[in-house]
Amino acid sequence: MLNIVKLLLLTTMAVVATSTAALADSLVGNGGGGDYKYQLWRSTDGSSYYLKIWTRESNPNTESSLSTTHSFQSSRDALEYFDCNYAGRSLPSCPK
């Protein structure tokens, strides 16, 4: 009986660990412009996107981001935000 309880406990722990690993945001892409570079991330449920932004000289693998944006409804919205506010591009969608 004790072995069955141990087996059930281990199985439950494995399922929880697998479920937790699957609940991670996913990196969609990266790029840069001006003096900055970014990583574009999609939320776990796929409903929103956000940017992590660094200065061009920094290393995203070892340094915390300069800025992490709030969520955007689409990847296009996120990239337009980066272009307008960090890359210095003048797009029709940029606020004046």
C-alpha atoms as a PDB file:
ATOM      1  CA  MET A   1       0.000   0.000   0.000  1.00  0.00           C
ATOM      2  CA  LEU A   2       2.835   2.396   0.841  1.00  0.00           C
ATOM      3  CA  ASN A   3       4.399   1.778  -2.588  1.00  0.00           C
ATOM      4  CA  ILE A   4       1.122   2.710  -4.299  1.00  0.00           C
ATOM      5  CA  VAL A   5       0.952   5.971  -2.336  1.00  0.00           C
ATOM      6  CA  LYS A   6       4.574   6.746  -3.274  1.00  0.00           C
ATOM      7  CA  LEU A   7       3.844   6.005  -6.931  1.00  0.00           C
ATOM      8  CA  LEU A   8       0.770   8.252  -6.921  1.00  0.00           C
ATOM      9  CA  LEU A   9       2.730  11.025  -5.220  1.00  0.00           C
ATOM     10  CA  LEU A  10       5.577  10.811  -7.739  1.00  0.00           C
ATOM     11  CA  THR A  11       3.139  10.770 -10.646  1.00  0.00           C
ATOM     12  CA  THR A  12       1.342  13.829  -9.304  1.00  0.00           C
ATOM     13  CA  MET A  13       4.627  15.669  -8.822  1.00  0.00           C
ATOM     14  CA  ALA A  14       5.701  14.837 -12.386  1.00  0.00           C
ATOM     15  CA  VAL A  15       2.418  16.125 -13.815  1.00  0.00           C
ATOM     16  CA  VAL A  16       2.648  19.360 -11.812  1.00  0.00           C
ATOM     17  CA  ALA A  17       6.276  19.898 -12.870  1.00  0.00           C
ATOM     18  CA  THR A  18       5.384  19.333 -16.528  1.00  0.00           C
ATOM     19  CA  SER A  19       2.400  21.673 -16.321  1.00  0.00           C
ATOM     20  CA  THR A  20       4.500  24.390 -14.697  1.00  0.00           C
ATOM     21  CA  ALA A  21       7.175  24.127 -17.381  1.00  0.00           C
ATOM     22  CA  ALA A  22       4.522  24.530 -20.072  1.00  0.00           C
ATOM     23  CA  LEU A  23       3.271  27.742 -18.489  1.00  0.00           C
ATOM     24  CA  ALA A  24       6.172  29.892 -19.634  1.00  0.00           C
ATOM     25  CA  ASP A  25       6.071  32.894 -21.929  1.00  0.00           C
ATOM     26  CA  SER A  26       7.718  32.288 -25.273  1.00  0.00           C
ATOM     27  CA  LEU A  27      10.328  34.305 -27.135  1.00  0.00           C
ATOM     28  CA  VAL A  28       8.946  35.297 -30.541  1.00  0.00           C
ATOM     29  CA  GLY A  29      11.871  37.245 -31.954  1.00  0.00           C
ATOM     30  CA  ASN A  30      14.475  39.907 -31.443  1.00  0.00           C
ATOM     31  CA  GLY A  31      15.985  42.848 -33.233  1.00  0.00           C
ATOM     32  CA  GLY A  32      17.154  46.369 -32.775  1.00  0.00           C
ATOM     33  CA  GLY A  33      17.240  49.932 -33.956  1.00  0.00           C
ATOM     34  CA  GLY A  34      18.974  53.108 -32.938  1.00  0.00           C
ATOM     35  CA  ASP A  35      20.853  52.598 -29.678  1.00  0.00           C
ATOM     36  CA  TYR A  36      18.579  49.782 -28.484  1.00  0.00           C
ATOM     37  CA  LYS A  37      17.761  46.133 -29.029  1.00  0.00           C
ATOM     38  CA  TYR A  38      14.732  44.124 -28.010  1.00  0.00           C
ATOM     39  CA  GLN A  39      13.264  40.704 -27.437  1.00  0.00           C
ATOM     40  CA  LEU A  40       9.606  40.212 -28.344  1.00  0.00           C
ATOM     41  CA  TRP A  41       7.753  37.806 -26.036  1.00  0.00           C
ATOM     42  CA  ARG A  42       4.270  36.229 -26.237  1.00  0.00           C
ATOM     43  CA  SER A  43       2.320  35.551 -23.053  1.00  0.00           C
ATOM     44  CA  THR A  44       1.630  31.989 -21.989  1.00  0.00           C
ATOM     45  CA  ASP A  45      -1.981  32.092 -23.140  1.00  0.00           C
ATOM     46  CA  GLY A  46      -1.054  33.793 -26.438  1.00  0.00           C
ATOM     47  CA  SER A  47      -3.320  36.762 -25.762  1.00  0.00           C
ATOM     48  CA  SER A  48      -0.657  39.473 -25.537  1.00  0.00           C
ATOM     49  CA  TYR A  49       2.908  40.454 -26.355  1.00  0.00           C
ATOM     50  CA  TYR A  50       5.551  42.470 -24.541  1.00  0.00           C
ATOM     51  CA  LEU A  51       9.062  43.758 -25.181  1.00  0.00           C
ATOM     52  CA  LYS A  52      12.245  43.517 -23.164  1.00  0.00           C
ATOM     53  CA  ILE A  53      14.565  46.339 -24.201  1.00  0.00           C
ATOM     54  CA  TRP A  54      18.324  46.792 -23.681  1.00  0.00           C
ATOM     55  CA  THR A  55      20.911  49.292 -24.793  1.00  0.00           C
ATOM     56  CA  ARG A  56      22.771  48.074 -27.845  1.00  0.00           C
ATOM     57  CA  GLU A  57      25.999  47.476 -25.871  1.00  0.00           C
ATOM     58  CA  SER A  58      24.426  45.329 -23.146  1.00  0.00           C
ATOM     59  CA  ASN A  59      24.141  41.544 -23.157  1.00  0.00           C
ATOM     60  CA  PRO A  60      20.540  40.257 -22.799  1.00  0.00           C
ATOM     61  CA  ASN A  61      21.835  36.931 -21.488  1.00  0.00           C
ATOM     62  CA  THR A  62      23.652  38.455 -18.525  1.00  0.00           C
ATOM     63  CA  GLU A  63      22.055  41.840 -17.843  1.00  0.00           C
ATOM     64  CA  SER A  64      18.550  42.730 -16.767  1.00  0.00           C
ATOM     65  CA  SER A  65      16.527  44.670 -19.279  1.00  0.00           C
ATOM     66  CA  LEU A  66      16.493  48.442 -19.334  1.00  0.00           C
ATOM     67  CA  SER A  67      12.727  48.275 -19.782  1.00  0.00           C
ATOM     68  CA  THR A  68       9.965  45.696 -19.958  1.00  0.00           C
ATOM     69  CA  THR A  69       6.853  47.074 -21.619  1.00  0.00           C
ATOM     70  CA  HIS A  70       3.226  46.510 -20.783  1.00  0.00           C
ATOM     71  CA  SER A  71       1.243  44.133 -22.931  1.00  0.00           C
ATOM     72  CA  PHE A  72       0.274  44.717 -26.550  1.00  0.00           C
ATOM     73  CA  GLN A  73      -2.567  43.042 -28.431  1.00  0.00           C
ATOM     74  CA  SER A  74      -0.357  42.072 -31.362  1.00  0.00           C
ATOM     75  CA  SER A  75       3.293  41.673 -32.233  1.00  0.00           C
ATOM     76  CA  ARG A  76       2.863  44.456 -34.785  1.00  0.00           C
ATOM     77  CA  ASP A  77       1.713  46.879 -32.064  1.00  0.00           C
ATOM     78  CA  ALA A  78       4.735  45.958 -29.941  1.00  0.00           C
ATOM     79  CA  LEU A  79       7.195  46.443 -32.790  1.00  0.00           C
ATOM     80  CA  GLU A  80       5.639  49.761 -33.793  1.00  0.00           C
ATOM     81  CA  TYR A  81       6.018  50.902 -30.190  1.00  0.00           C
ATOM     82  CA  PHE A  82       9.723  49.989 -30.291  1.00  0.00           C
ATOM     83  CA  ASP A  83      10.221  51.713 -33.639  1.00  0.00           C
ATOM     84  CA  CYS A  84       8.505  54.919 -32.485  1.00  0.00           C
ATOM     85  CA  ASN A  85       9.929  55.143 -28.968  1.00  0.00           C
ATOM     86  CA  TYR A  86      13.387  53.572 -29.161  1.00  0.00           C
ATOM     87  CA  ALA A  87      14.561  53.165 -32.762  1.00  0.00           C
ATOM     88  CA  GLY A  88      13.750  56.763 -33.671  1.00  0.00           C
ATOM     89  CA  ARG A  89      11.767  55.840 -36.755  1.00  0.00           C
ATOM     90  CA  SER A  90       9.087  58.191 -38.026  1.00  0.00           C
ATOM     91  CA  LEU A  91       6.123  56.009 -38.944  1.00  0.00           C
ATOM     92  CA  PRO A  92       2.548  57.142 -39.680  1.00  0.00           C
ATOM     93  CA  SER A  93       1.488  55.222 -36.551  1.00  0.00           C
ATOM     94  CA  CYS A  94       3.955  57.096 -34.290  1.00  0.00           C
ATOM     95  CA  PRO A  95       2.425  59.711 -32.001  1.00  0.00           C
ATOM     96  CA  LYS A  96       3.385  63.233 -32.965  1.00  0.00           C
END
